[in-house]
């Protein structure tokens, strides 16, 4: 039997990193799952991460068909590609992942200030 869910301790956990192979990829996907859309600098700033790894993951996810992007002025906004074959399953996995985060981190992640 699987253990009951345990909240992560001390900051935002990297729950999916072992599966996805990248902390930056997990951050991009979680942010977009919770906020709907975003841009690289915004995501990097949110997580206190370096910009370039976030940009690389967003570009890779777009080239693989998971994300799509559009220009808004000089900013490239990313969101999930509605035609991605496993979108519902991916969103369900990300929703479950967020449930493992501490309450304060969940609240901060889900808060949309736009």
PDB file of N, CA and C in Angstrom:
ATOM      1  N   UNK A   1       0.839  -1.170   0.000  1.00  0.00           N
ATOM      2  CA  UNK A   1       0.000   0.000   0.000  1.00  0.00           C
ATOM      3  C   UNK A   1       0.888   1.238   0.000  1.00  0.00           C
ATOM      4  N   UNK A   2       0.460   2.274  -0.715  1.00  0.00           N
ATOM      5  CA  UNK A   2       1.217   3.520  -0.804  1.00  0.00           C
ATOM      6  C   UNK A   2       1.048   4.327   0.469  1.00  0.00           C
ATOM      7  N   UNK A   3       2.085   5.023   0.883  1.00  0.00           N
ATOM      8  CA  UNK A   3       1.976   5.861   2.088  1.00  0.00           C
ATOM      9  C   UNK A   3       1.068   7.058   1.818  1.00  0.00           C
ATOM     10  N   UNK A   4       0.479   7.564   2.883  1.00  0.00           N
ATOM     11  CA  UNK A   4      -0.337   8.770   2.777  1.00  0.00           C
ATOM     12  C   UNK A   4       0.537   9.918   2.324  1.00  0.00           C
ATOM     13  N   UNK A   5      -0.089  10.887   1.660  1.00  0.00           N
ATOM     14  CA  UNK A   5       0.683  12.014   1.160  1.00  0.00           C
ATOM     15  C   UNK A   5       1.254  12.800   2.323  1.00  0.00           C
ATOM     16  N   UNK A   6       2.496  13.152   2.170  1.00  0.00           N
ATOM     17  CA  UNK A   6       3.206  13.904   3.201  1.00  0.00           C
ATOM     18  C   UNK A   6       3.592  15.241   2.609  1.00  0.00           C
ATOM     19  N   UNK A   7       3.317  16.325   3.309  1.00  0.00           N
ATOM     20  CA  UNK A   7       3.718  17.619   2.768  1.00  0.00           C
ATOM     21  C   UNK A   7       5.232  17.734   2.699  1.00  0.00           C
ATOM     22  N   UNK A   8       5.688  18.399   1.664  1.00  0.00           N
ATOM     23  CA  UNK A   8       7.122  18.642   1.527  1.00  0.00           C
ATOM     24  C   UNK A   8       7.541  19.643   2.585  1.00  0.00           C
ATOM     25  N   UNK A   9       8.776  19.584   2.972  1.00  0.00           N
ATOM     26  CA  UNK A   9       9.234  20.509   4.002  1.00  0.00           C
ATOM     27  C   UNK A   9      10.227  21.500   3.411  1.00  0.00           C
ATOM     28  N   UNK A  10      10.155  22.719   3.902  1.00  0.00           N
ATOM     29  CA  UNK A  10      11.139  23.725   3.552  1.00  0.00           C
ATOM     30  C   UNK A  10      11.193  24.109   2.096  1.00  0.00           C
ATOM     31  N   UNK A  11      10.306  24.935   1.639  1.00  0.00           N
ATOM     32  CA  UNK A  11      10.336  25.420   0.265  1.00  0.00           C
ATOM     33  C   UNK A  11       9.652  24.465  -0.690  1.00  0.00           C
ATOM     34  N   UNK A  12       9.564  24.907  -1.927  1.00  0.00           N
ATOM     35  CA  UNK A  12       8.849  24.117  -2.921  1.00  0.00           C
ATOM     36  C   UNK A  12       9.653  22.877  -3.282  1.00  0.00           C
ATOM     37  N   UNK A  13       9.022  21.734  -3.099  1.00  0.00           N
ATOM     38  CA  UNK A  13       9.660  20.449  -3.359  1.00  0.00           C
ATOM     39  C   UNK A  13       9.760  20.193  -4.858  1.00  0.00           C
ATOM     40  N   UNK A  14      10.660  19.346  -5.230  1.00  0.00           N
ATOM     41  CA  UNK A  14      10.805  18.919  -6.620  1.00  0.00           C
ATOM     42  C   UNK A  14      10.248  17.511  -6.731  1.00  0.00           C
ATOM     43  N   UNK A  15       8.956  17.404  -6.645  1.00  0.00           N
ATOM     44  CA  UNK A  15       8.282  16.115  -6.594  1.00  0.00           C
ATOM     45  C   UNK A  15       8.425  15.348  -7.904  1.00  0.00           C
ATOM     46  N   UNK A  16       8.322  16.029  -9.044  1.00  0.00           N
ATOM     47  CA  UNK A  16       8.363  15.358 -10.342  1.00  0.00           C
ATOM     48  C   UNK A  16       9.753  15.313 -10.977  1.00  0.00           C
ATOM     49  N   UNK A  17      10.712  15.958 -10.379  1.00  0.00           N
ATOM     50  CA  UNK A  17      12.047  16.023 -10.970  1.00  0.00           C
ATOM     51  C   UNK A  17      12.615  14.646 -11.310  1.00  0.00           C
ATOM     52  N   UNK A  18      12.449  13.626 -10.469  1.00  0.00           N
ATOM     53  CA  UNK A  18      12.974  12.305 -10.846  1.00  0.00           C
ATOM     54  C   UNK A  18      12.315  11.731 -12.104  1.00  0.00           C
ATOM     55  N   UNK A  19      11.078  12.061 -12.331  1.00  0.00           N
ATOM     56  CA  UNK A  19      10.359  11.556 -13.508  1.00  0.00           C
ATOM     57  C   UNK A  19      10.664  12.393 -14.743  1.00  0.00           C
ATOM     58  N   UNK A  20      10.641  13.709 -14.579  1.00  0.00           N
ATOM     59  CA  UNK A  20      10.841  14.613 -15.708  1.00  0.00           C
ATOM     60  C   UNK A  20      12.305  14.820 -16.067  1.00  0.00           C
ATOM     61  N   UNK A  21      13.190  14.559 -15.095  1.00  0.00           N
ATOM     62  CA  UNK A  21      14.608  14.701 -15.347  1.00  0.00           C
ATOM     63  C   UNK A  21      15.126  16.123 -15.229  1.00  0.00           C
ATOM     64  N   UNK A  22      14.273  17.050 -14.807  1.00  0.00           N
ATOM     65  CA  UNK A  22      14.703  18.441 -14.734  1.00  0.00           C
ATOM     66  C   UNK A  22      13.830  19.216 -13.761  1.00  0.00           C
ATOM     67  N   UNK A  23      14.474  19.914 -12.846  1.00  0.00           N
ATOM     68  CA  UNK A  23      13.754  20.783 -11.933  1.00  0.00           C
ATOM     69  C   UNK A  23      13.113  21.936 -12.704  1.00  0.00           C
ATOM     70  N   UNK A  24      13.833  22.460 -13.691  1.00  0.00           N
ATOM     71  CA  UNK A  24      13.302  23.574 -14.488  1.00  0.00           C
ATOM     72  C   UNK A  24      12.036  23.164 -15.234  1.00  0.00           C
ATOM     73  N   UNK A  25      12.017  21.963 -15.759  1.00  0.00           N
ATOM     74  CA  UNK A  25      10.833  21.485 -16.478  1.00  0.00           C
ATOM     75  C   UNK A  25       9.653  21.370 -15.525  1.00  0.00           C
ATOM     76  N   UNK A  26       9.899  20.840 -14.329  1.00  0.00           N
ATOM     77  CA  UNK A  26       8.826  20.741 -13.335  1.00  0.00           C
ATOM     78  C   UNK A  26       8.292  22.128 -13.003  1.00  0.00           C
ATOM     79  N   UNK A  27       9.177  23.074 -12.815  1.00  0.00           N
ATOM     80  CA  UNK A  27       8.749  24.428 -12.473  1.00  0.00           C
ATOM     81  C   UNK A  27       7.902  25.053 -13.568  1.00  0.00           C
ATOM     82  N   UNK A  28       8.333  24.907 -14.809  1.00  0.00           N
ATOM     83  CA  UNK A  28       7.574  25.447 -15.947  1.00  0.00           C
ATOM     84  C   UNK A  28       6.177  24.835 -15.997  1.00  0.00           C
ATOM     85  N   UNK A  29       6.113  23.524 -15.936  1.00  0.00           N
ATOM     86  CA  UNK A  29       4.819  22.845 -16.046  1.00  0.00           C
ATOM     87  C   UNK A  29       3.896  23.174 -14.881  1.00  0.00           C
ATOM     88  N   UNK A  30       4.423  23.192 -13.665  1.00  0.00           N
ATOM     89  CA  UNK A  30       3.595  23.520 -12.501  1.00  0.00           C
ATOM     90  C   UNK A  30       3.077  24.948 -12.572  1.00  0.00           C
ATOM     91  N   UNK A  31       3.947  25.859 -12.936  1.00  0.00           N
ATOM     92  CA  UNK A  31       3.538  27.265 -13.018  1.00  0.00           C
ATOM     93  C   UNK A  31       2.418  27.429 -14.034  1.00  0.00           C
ATOM     94  N   UNK A  32       2.596  26.851 -15.218  1.00  0.00           N
ATOM     95  CA  UNK A  32       1.582  26.983 -16.262  1.00  0.00           C
ATOM     96  C   UNK A  32       0.285  26.251 -15.892  1.00  0.00           C
ATOM     97  N   UNK A  33       0.402  25.138 -15.193  1.00  0.00           N
ATOM     98  CA  UNK A  33      -0.801  24.409 -14.763  1.00  0.00           C
ATOM     99  C   UNK A  33      -1.606  25.243 -13.770  1.00  0.00           C
ATOM    100  N   UNK A  34      -0.916  25.971 -12.921  1.00  0.00           N
ATOM    101  CA  UNK A  34      -1.605  26.767 -11.895  1.00  0.00           C
ATOM    102  C   UNK A  34      -2.037  28.137 -12.386  1.00  0.00           C
ATOM    103  N   UNK A  35      -1.290  28.720 -13.294  1.00  0.00           N
ATOM    104  CA  UNK A  35      -1.560  30.092 -13.721  1.00  0.00           C
ATOM    105  C   UNK A  35      -2.159  30.203 -15.121  1.00  0.00           C
ATOM    106  N   UNK A  36      -2.150  29.121 -15.882  1.00  0.00           N
ATOM    107  CA  UNK A  36      -2.733  29.156 -17.223  1.00  0.00           C
ATOM    108  C   UNK A  36      -1.751  29.553 -18.303  1.00  0.00           C
ATOM    109  N   UNK A  37      -0.974  30.586 -18.054  1.00  0.00           N
ATOM    110  CA  UNK A  37       0.036  31.016 -19.012  1.00  0.00           C
ATOM    111  C   UNK A  37       1.122  31.792 -18.273  1.00  0.00           C
ATOM    112  N   UNK A  38       2.234  31.986 -18.950  1.00  0.00           N
ATOM    113  CA  UNK A  38       3.317  32.725 -18.333  1.00  0.00           C
ATOM    114  C   UNK A  38       4.466  32.887 -19.302  1.00  0.00           C
ATOM    115  N   UNK A  39       5.454  33.653 -18.871  1.00  0.00           N
ATOM    116  CA  UNK A  39       6.646  33.852 -19.688  1.00  0.00           C
ATOM    117  C   UNK A  39       7.872  33.503 -18.855  1.00  0.00           C
ATOM    118  N   UNK A  40       8.973  33.260 -19.538  1.00  0.00           N
ATOM    119  CA  UNK A  40      10.160  32.690 -18.899  1.00  0.00           C
ATOM    120  C   UNK A  40      10.666  33.521 -17.723  1.00  0.00           C
ATOM    121  N   UNK A  41      10.815  34.824 -17.899  1.00  0.00           N
ATOM    122  CA  UNK A  41      11.362  35.661 -16.824  1.00  0.00           C
ATOM    123  C   UNK A  41      10.453  35.638 -15.595  1.00  0.00           C
ATOM    124  N   UNK A  42       9.148  35.630 -15.824  1.00  0.00           N
ATOM    125  CA  UNK A  42       8.169  35.576 -14.728  1.00  0.00           C
ATOM    126  C   UNK A  42       8.315  34.275 -13.932  1.00  0.00           C
ATOM    127  N   UNK A  43       8.470  33.175 -14.623  1.00  0.00           N
ATOM    128  CA  UNK A  43       8.602  31.868 -13.970  1.00  0.00           C
ATOM    129  C   UNK A  43       9.934  31.779 -13.220  1.00  0.00           C
ATOM    130  N   UNK A  44      11.005  32.224 -13.869  1.00  0.00           N
ATOM    131  CA  UNK A  44      12.321  32.204 -13.220  1.00  0.00           C
ATOM    132  C   UNK A  44      12.300  33.056 -11.954  1.00  0.00           C
ATOM    133  N   UNK A  45      11.705  34.229 -12.034  1.00  0.00           N
ATOM    134  CA  UNK A  45      11.619  35.122 -10.877  1.00  0.00           C
ATOM    135  C   UNK A  45      10.792  34.491  -9.761  1.00  0.00           C
ATOM    136  N   UNK A  46       9.670  33.870 -10.119  1.00  0.00           N
ATOM    137  CA  UNK A  46       8.787  33.249  -9.132  1.00  0.00           C
ATOM    138  C   UNK A  46       9.532  32.205  -8.308  1.00  0.00           C
ATOM    139  N   UNK A  47      10.321  31.369  -8.983  1.00  0.00           N
ATOM    140  CA  UNK A  47      11.025  30.284  -8.305  1.00  0.00           C
ATOM    141  C   UNK A  47      12.433  30.673  -7.847  1.00  0.00           C
ATOM    142  N   UNK A  48      12.866  31.905  -8.152  1.00  0.00           N
ATOM    143  CA  UNK A  48      14.222  32.310  -7.802  1.00  0.00           C
ATOM    144  C   UNK A  48      15.249  31.499  -8.569  1.00  0.00           C
ATOM    145  N   UNK A  49      14.933  31.193  -9.820  1.00  0.00           N
ATOM    146  CA  UNK A  49      15.794  30.341 -10.649  1.00  0.00           C
ATOM    147  C   UNK A  49      16.485  31.167 -11.726  1.00  0.00           C
ATOM    148  N   UNK A  50      17.479  30.591 -12.348  1.00  0.00           N
ATOM    149  CA  UNK A  50      18.154  31.230 -13.483  1.00  0.00           C
ATOM    150  C   UNK A  50      17.224  31.232 -14.683  1.00  0.00           C
ATOM    151  N   UNK A  51      17.309  32.279 -15.483  1.00  0.00           N
ATOM    152  CA  UNK A  51      16.421  32.440 -16.630  1.00  0.00           C
ATOM    153  C   UNK A  51      16.677  31.422 -17.737  1.00  0.00           C
ATOM    154  N   UNK A  52      17.927  31.215 -18.112  1.00  0.00           N
ATOM    155  CA  UNK A  52      18.236  30.388 -19.284  1.00  0.00           C
ATOM    156  C   UNK A  52      17.718  28.945 -19.177  1.00  0.00           C
ATOM    157  N   UNK A  53      17.851  28.245 -18.054  1.00  0.00           N
ATOM    158  CA  UNK A  53      17.295  26.884 -17.987  1.00  0.00           C
ATOM    159  C   UNK A  53      15.767  26.869 -18.158  1.00  0.00           C
ATOM    160  N   UNK A  54      15.102  27.878 -17.648  1.00  0.00           N
ATOM    161  CA  UNK A  54      13.641  27.966 -17.815  1.00  0.00           C
ATOM    162  C   UNK A  54      13.309  28.182 -19.290  1.00  0.00           C
ATOM    163  N   UNK A  55      14.027  29.093 -19.944  1.00  0.00           N
ATOM    164  CA  UNK A  55      13.806  29.344 -21.371  1.00  0.00           C
ATOM    165  C   UNK A  55      14.032  28.077 -22.196  1.00  0.00           C
ATOM    166  N   UNK A  56      15.116  27.364 -21.903  1.00  0.00           N
ATOM    167  CA  UNK A  56      15.417  26.129 -22.652  1.00  0.00           C
ATOM    168  C   UNK A  56      14.299  25.116 -22.516  1.00  0.00           C
ATOM    169  N   UNK A  57      13.780  24.954 -21.296  1.00  0.00           N
ATOM    170  CA  UNK A  57      12.700  23.977 -21.091  1.00  0.00           C
ATOM    171  C   UNK A  57      11.428  24.395 -21.826  1.00  0.00           C
ATOM    172  N   UNK A  58      11.129  25.690 -21.790  1.00  0.00           N
ATOM    173  CA  UNK A  58       9.930  26.170 -22.477  1.00  0.00           C
ATOM    174  C   UNK A  58      10.053  25.960 -23.990  1.00  0.00           C
ATOM    175  N   UNK A  59      11.212  26.242 -24.531  1.00  0.00           N
ATOM    176  CA  UNK A  59      11.444  26.042 -25.963  1.00  0.00           C
ATOM    177  C   UNK A  59      11.339  24.563 -26.317  1.00  0.00           C
ATOM    178  N   UNK A  60      11.931  23.699 -25.483  1.00  0.00           N
ATOM    179  CA  UNK A  60      11.877  22.254 -25.740  1.00  0.00           C
ATOM    180  C   UNK A  60      10.443  21.738 -25.651  1.00  0.00           C
ATOM    181  N   UNK A  61       9.715  22.173 -24.631  1.00  0.00           N
ATOM    182  CA  UNK A  61       8.323  21.721 -24.480  1.00  0.00           C
ATOM    183  C   UNK A  61       7.455  22.210 -25.632  1.00  0.00           C
ATOM    184  N   UNK A  62       7.756  23.383 -26.146  1.00  0.00           N
ATOM    185  CA  UNK A  62       7.003  23.868 -27.316  1.00  0.00           C
ATOM    186  C   UNK A  62       7.352  23.046 -28.555  1.00  0.00           C
ATOM    187  N   UNK A  63       8.625  22.764 -28.758  1.00  0.00           N
ATOM    188  CA  UNK A  63       9.020  21.983 -29.939  1.00  0.00           C
ATOM    189  C   UNK A  63       8.471  20.560 -29.883  1.00  0.00           C
ATOM    190  N   UNK A  64       8.208  20.055 -28.663  1.00  0.00           N
ATOM    191  CA  UNK A  64       7.648  18.715 -28.496  1.00  0.00           C
ATOM    192  C   UNK A  64       6.125  18.713 -28.534  1.00  0.00           C
ATOM    193  N   UNK A  65       5.519  19.899 -28.666  1.00  0.00           N
ATOM    194  CA  UNK A  65       4.069  19.985 -28.797  1.00  0.00           C
ATOM    195  C   UNK A  65       3.294  20.058 -27.496  1.00  0.00           C
ATOM    196  N   UNK A  66       3.983  20.125 -26.373  1.00  0.00           N
ATOM    197  CA  UNK A  66       3.313  20.188 -25.075  1.00  0.00           C
ATOM    198  C   UNK A  66       2.804  21.604 -24.827  1.00  0.00           C
ATOM    199  N   UNK A  67       3.592  22.601 -25.223  1.00  0.00           N
ATOM    200  CA  UNK A  67       3.228  24.004 -25.045  1.00  0.00           C
ATOM    201  C   UNK A  67       3.074  24.677 -26.405  1.00  0.00           C
ATOM    202  N   UNK A  68       2.449  25.819 -26.400  1.00  0.00           N
ATOM    203  CA  UNK A  68       2.418  26.697 -27.568  1.00  0.00           C
ATOM    204  C   UNK A  68       2.696  28.097 -27.048  1.00  0.00           C
ATOM    205  N   UNK A  69       3.112  28.983 -27.948  1.00  0.00           N
ATOM    206  CA  UNK A  69       3.428  30.330 -27.509  1.00  0.00           C
ATOM    207  C   UNK A  69       2.880  31.347 -28.495  1.00  0.00           C
ATOM    208  N   UNK A  70       2.830  32.594 -28.006  1.00  0.00           N
ATOM    209  CA  UNK A  70       2.405  33.710 -28.836  1.00  0.00           C
ATOM    210  C   UNK A  70       3.152  34.942 -28.350  1.00  0.00           C
ATOM    211  N   UNK A  71       3.314  35.880 -29.255  1.00  0.00           N
ATOM    212  CA  UNK A  71       3.973  37.132 -28.914  1.00  0.00           C
ATOM    213  C   UNK A  71       2.954  38.110 -28.360  1.00  0.00           C
ATOM    214  N   UNK A  72       3.282  38.737 -27.249  1.00  0.00           N
ATOM    215  CA  UNK A  72       2.492  39.816 -26.667  1.00  0.00           C
ATOM    216  C   UNK A  72       3.464  40.971 -26.511  1.00  0.00           C
ATOM    217  N   UNK A  73       3.437  41.882 -27.455  1.00  0.00           N
ATOM    218  CA  UNK A  73       4.458  42.922 -27.484  1.00  0.00           C
ATOM    219  C   UNK A  73       5.802  42.281 -27.760  1.00  0.00           C
ATOM    220  N   UNK A  74       6.751  42.485 -26.866  1.00  0.00           N
ATOM    221  CA  UNK A  74       8.071  41.867 -27.022  1.00  0.00           C
ATOM    222  C   UNK A  74       8.232  40.630 -26.150  1.00  0.00           C
ATOM    223  N   UNK A  75       7.154  40.173 -25.552  1.00  0.00           N
ATOM    224  CA  UNK A  75       7.206  39.033 -24.636  1.00  0.00           C
ATOM    225  C   UNK A  75       6.571  37.805 -25.284  1.00  0.00           C
ATOM    226  N   UNK A  76       7.228  36.649 -25.132  1.00  0.00           N
ATOM    227  CA  UNK A  76       6.667  35.389 -25.620  1.00  0.00           C
ATOM    228  C   UNK A  76       5.941  34.711 -24.468  1.00  0.00           C
ATOM    229  N   UNK A  77       4.619  34.616 -24.592  1.00  0.00           N
ATOM    230  CA  UNK A  77       3.770  33.974 -23.583  1.00  0.00           C
ATOM    231  C   UNK A  77       3.573  32.512 -23.959  1.00  0.00           C
ATOM    232  N   UNK A  78       3.652  31.633 -22.964  1.00  0.00           N
ATOM    233  CA  UNK A  78       3.480  30.196 -23.173  1.00  0.00           C
ATOM    234  C   UNK A  78       2.253  29.701 -22.419  1.00  0.00           C
ATOM    235  N   UNK A  79       1.628  28.666 -22.973  1.00  0.00           N
ATOM    236  CA  UNK A  79       0.503  27.982 -22.335  1.00  0.00           C
ATOM    237  C   UNK A  79       0.506  26.539 -22.837  1.00  0.00           C
ATOM    238  N   UNK A  80      -0.304  25.710 -22.214  1.00  0.00           N
ATOM    239  CA  UNK A  80      -0.416  24.326 -22.679  1.00  0.00           C
ATOM    240  C   UNK A  80      -1.067  24.294 -24.048  1.00  0.00           C
ATOM    241  N   UNK A  81      -0.572  23.413 -24.891  1.00  0.00           N
ATOM    242  CA  UNK A  81      -1.139  23.213 -26.215  1.00  0.00           C
ATOM    243  C   UNK A  81      -2.420  22.401 -26.050  1.00  0.00           C
ATOM    244  N   UNK A  82      -3.578  22.964 -26.384  1.00  0.00           N
ATOM    245  CA  UNK A  82      -4.834  22.223 -26.209  1.00  0.00           C
ATOM    246  C   UNK A  82      -4.923  20.971 -27.078  1.00  0.00           C
ATOM    247  N   UNK A  83      -4.059  20.860 -28.066  1.00  0.00           N
ATOM    248  CA  UNK A  83      -4.053  19.673 -28.942  1.00  0.00           C
ATOM    249  C   UNK A  83      -3.089  18.589 -28.488  1.00  0.00           C
ATOM    250  N   UNK A  84      -2.383  18.828 -27.398  1.00  0.00           N
ATOM    251  CA  UNK A  84      -1.455  17.825 -26.891  1.00  0.00           C
ATOM    252  C   UNK A  84      -2.243  16.593 -26.456  1.00  0.00           C
ATOM    253  N   UNK A  85      -1.862  15.425 -26.959  1.00  0.00           N
ATOM    254  CA  UNK A  85      -2.638  14.193 -26.772  1.00  0.00           C
ATOM    255  C   UNK A  85      -2.843  13.807 -25.312  1.00  0.00           C
ATOM    256  N   UNK A  86      -1.884  14.097 -24.443  1.00  0.00           N
ATOM    257  CA  UNK A  86      -1.975  13.686 -23.044  1.00  0.00           C
ATOM    258  C   UNK A  86      -2.192  14.867 -22.105  1.00  0.00           C
ATOM    259  N   UNK A  87      -2.822  15.909 -22.604  1.00  0.00           N
ATOM    260  CA  UNK A  87      -2.992  17.123 -21.813  1.00  0.00           C
ATOM    261  C   UNK A  87      -3.774  16.873 -20.533  1.00  0.00           C
ATOM    262  N   UNK A  88      -4.890  16.182 -20.614  1.00  0.00           N
ATOM    263  CA  UNK A  88      -5.688  15.924 -19.399  1.00  0.00           C
ATOM    264  C   UNK A  88      -4.906  15.123 -18.370  1.00  0.00           C
ATOM    265  N   UNK A  89      -4.204  14.116 -18.838  1.00  0.00           N
ATOM    266  CA  UNK A  89      -3.424  13.284 -17.926  1.00  0.00           C
ATOM    267  C   UNK A  89      -2.283  14.090 -17.292  1.00  0.00           C
ATOM    268  N   UNK A  90      -1.619  14.907 -18.096  1.00  0.00           N
ATOM    269  CA  UNK A  90      -0.540  15.740 -17.580  1.00  0.00           C
ATOM    270  C   UNK A  90      -1.077  16.736 -16.553  1.00  0.00           C
ATOM    271  N   UNK A  91      -2.202  17.358 -16.844  1.00  0.00           N
ATOM    272  CA  UNK A  91      -2.785  18.315 -15.908  1.00  0.00           C
ATOM    273  C   UNK A  91      -3.207  17.636 -14.607  1.00  0.00           C
ATOM    274  N   UNK A  92      -3.730  16.422 -14.703  1.00  0.00           N
ATOM    275  CA  UNK A  92      -4.108  15.677 -13.494  1.00  0.00           C
ATOM    276  C   UNK A  92      -2.866  15.356 -12.658  1.00  0.00           C
ATOM    277  N   UNK A  93      -1.776  14.972 -13.308  1.00  0.00           N
ATOM    278  CA  UNK A  93      -0.527  14.694 -12.601  1.00  0.00           C
ATOM    279  C   UNK A  93       0.001  15.956 -11.918  1.00  0.00           C
ATOM    280  N   UNK A  94      -0.052  17.070 -12.606  1.00  0.00           N
ATOM    281  CA  UNK A  94       0.426  18.331 -12.040  1.00  0.00           C
ATOM    282  C   UNK A  94      -0.455  18.795 -10.888  1.00  0.00           C
ATOM    283  N   UNK A  95      -1.752  18.600 -11.020  1.00  0.00           N
ATOM    284  CA  UNK A  95      -2.672  18.950  -9.927  1.00  0.00           C
ATOM    285  C   UNK A  95      -2.362  18.115  -8.689  1.00  0.00           C
ATOM    286  N   UNK A  96      -2.115  16.844  -8.884  1.00  0.00           N
ATOM    287  CA  UNK A  96      -1.763  15.969  -7.769  1.00  0.00           C
ATOM    288  C   UNK A  96      -0.428  16.397  -7.154  1.00  0.00           C
ATOM    289  N   UNK A  97       0.513  16.767  -7.990  1.00  0.00           N
ATOM    290  CA  UNK A  97       1.818  17.218  -7.514  1.00  0.00           C
ATOM    291  C   UNK A  97       1.682  18.439  -6.615  1.00  0.00           C
ATOM    292  N   UNK A  98       0.871  19.394  -7.022  1.00  0.00           N
ATOM    293  CA  UNK A  98       0.664  20.607  -6.231  1.00  0.00           C
ATOM    294  C   UNK A  98       0.104  20.252  -4.856  1.00  0.00           C
ATOM    295  N   UNK A  99      -0.681  19.195  -4.770  1.00  0.00           N
ATOM    296  CA  UNK A  99      -1.260  18.803  -3.483  1.00  0.00           C
ATOM    297  C   UNK A  99      -0.188  18.340  -2.489  1.00  0.00           C
ATOM    298  N   UNK A 100       1.008  18.026  -2.950  1.00  0.00           N
ATOM    299  CA  UNK A 100       2.097  17.603  -2.075  1.00  0.00           C
ATOM    300  C   UNK A 100       2.906  18.778  -1.537  1.00  0.00           C
ATOM    301  N   UNK A 101       2.683  19.940  -2.079  1.00  0.00           N
ATOM    302  CA  UNK A 101       3.406  21.126  -1.630  1.00  0.00           C
ATOM    303  C   UNK A 101       2.828  21.623  -0.309  1.00  0.00           C
ATOM    304  N   UNK A 102       3.637  22.266   0.512  1.00  0.00           N
ATOM    305  CA  UNK A 102       3.118  22.867   1.743  1.00  0.00           C
ATOM    306  C   UNK A 102       2.034  23.892   1.411  1.00  0.00           C
ATOM    307  N   UNK A 103       1.098  24.084   2.327  1.00  0.00           N
ATOM    308  CA  UNK A 103      -0.054  24.968   2.088  1.00  0.00           C
ATOM    309  C   UNK A 103       0.367  26.369   1.652  1.00  0.00           C
ATOM    310  N   UNK A 104       1.369  26.929   2.285  1.00  0.00           N
ATOM    311  CA  UNK A 104       1.806  28.287   1.931  1.00  0.00           C
ATOM    312  C   UNK A 104       2.341  28.345   0.499  1.00  0.00           C
ATOM    313  N   UNK A 105       3.083  27.316   0.087  1.00  0.00           N
ATOM    314  CA  UNK A 105       3.606  27.269  -1.281  1.00  0.00           C
ATOM    315  C   UNK A 105       2.473  27.076  -2.287  1.00  0.00           C
ATOM    316  N   UNK A 106       1.513  26.226  -1.940  1.00  0.00           N
ATOM    317  CA  UNK A 106       0.349  26.013  -2.819  1.00  0.00           C
ATOM    318  C   UNK A 106      -0.393  27.324  -3.029  1.00  0.00           C
ATOM    319  N   UNK A 107      -0.623  28.042  -1.934  1.00  0.00           N
ATOM    320  CA  UNK A 107      -1.360  29.307  -2.013  1.00  0.00           C
ATOM    321  C   UNK A 107      -0.617  30.305  -2.896  1.00  0.00           C
ATOM    322  N   UNK A 108       0.686  30.408  -2.701  1.00  0.00           N
ATOM    323  CA  UNK A 108       1.500  31.331  -3.502  1.00  0.00           C
ATOM    324  C   UNK A 108       1.492  30.939  -4.980  1.00  0.00           C
ATOM    325  N   UNK A 109       1.578  29.658  -5.247  1.00  0.00           N
ATOM    326  CA  UNK A 109       1.588  29.161  -6.625  1.00  0.00           C
ATOM    327  C   UNK A 109       0.248  29.389  -7.315  1.00  0.00           C
ATOM    328  N   UNK A 110      -0.826  29.212  -6.587  1.00  0.00           N
ATOM    329  CA  UNK A 110      -2.165  29.344  -7.164  1.00  0.00           C
ATOM    330  C   UNK A 110      -2.658  30.786  -7.236  1.00  0.00           C
ATOM    331  N   UNK A 111      -1.981  31.698  -6.530  1.00  0.00           N
ATOM    332  CA  UNK A 111      -2.399  33.095  -6.541  1.00  0.00           C
ATOM    333  C   UNK A 111      -2.023  33.719  -7.871  1.00  0.00           C
ATOM    334  N   UNK A 112      -2.990  34.292  -8.568  1.00  0.00           N
ATOM    335  CA  UNK A 112      -2.726  34.925  -9.845  1.00  0.00           C
ATOM    336  C   UNK A 112      -2.946  36.413  -9.706  1.00  0.00           C
ATOM    337  N   UNK A 113      -1.897  37.208  -9.867  1.00  0.00           N
ATOM    338  CA  UNK A 113      -1.983  38.658  -9.636  1.00  0.00           C
ATOM    339  C   UNK A 113      -2.251  39.453 -10.885  1.00  0.00           C
ATOM    340  N   UNK A 114      -2.563  38.824 -11.965  1.00  0.00           N
ATOM    341  CA  UNK A 114      -2.778  39.577 -13.205  1.00  0.00           C
ATOM    342  C   UNK A 114      -4.122  40.233 -13.210  1.00  0.00           C
TER     343      UNK A 114
END
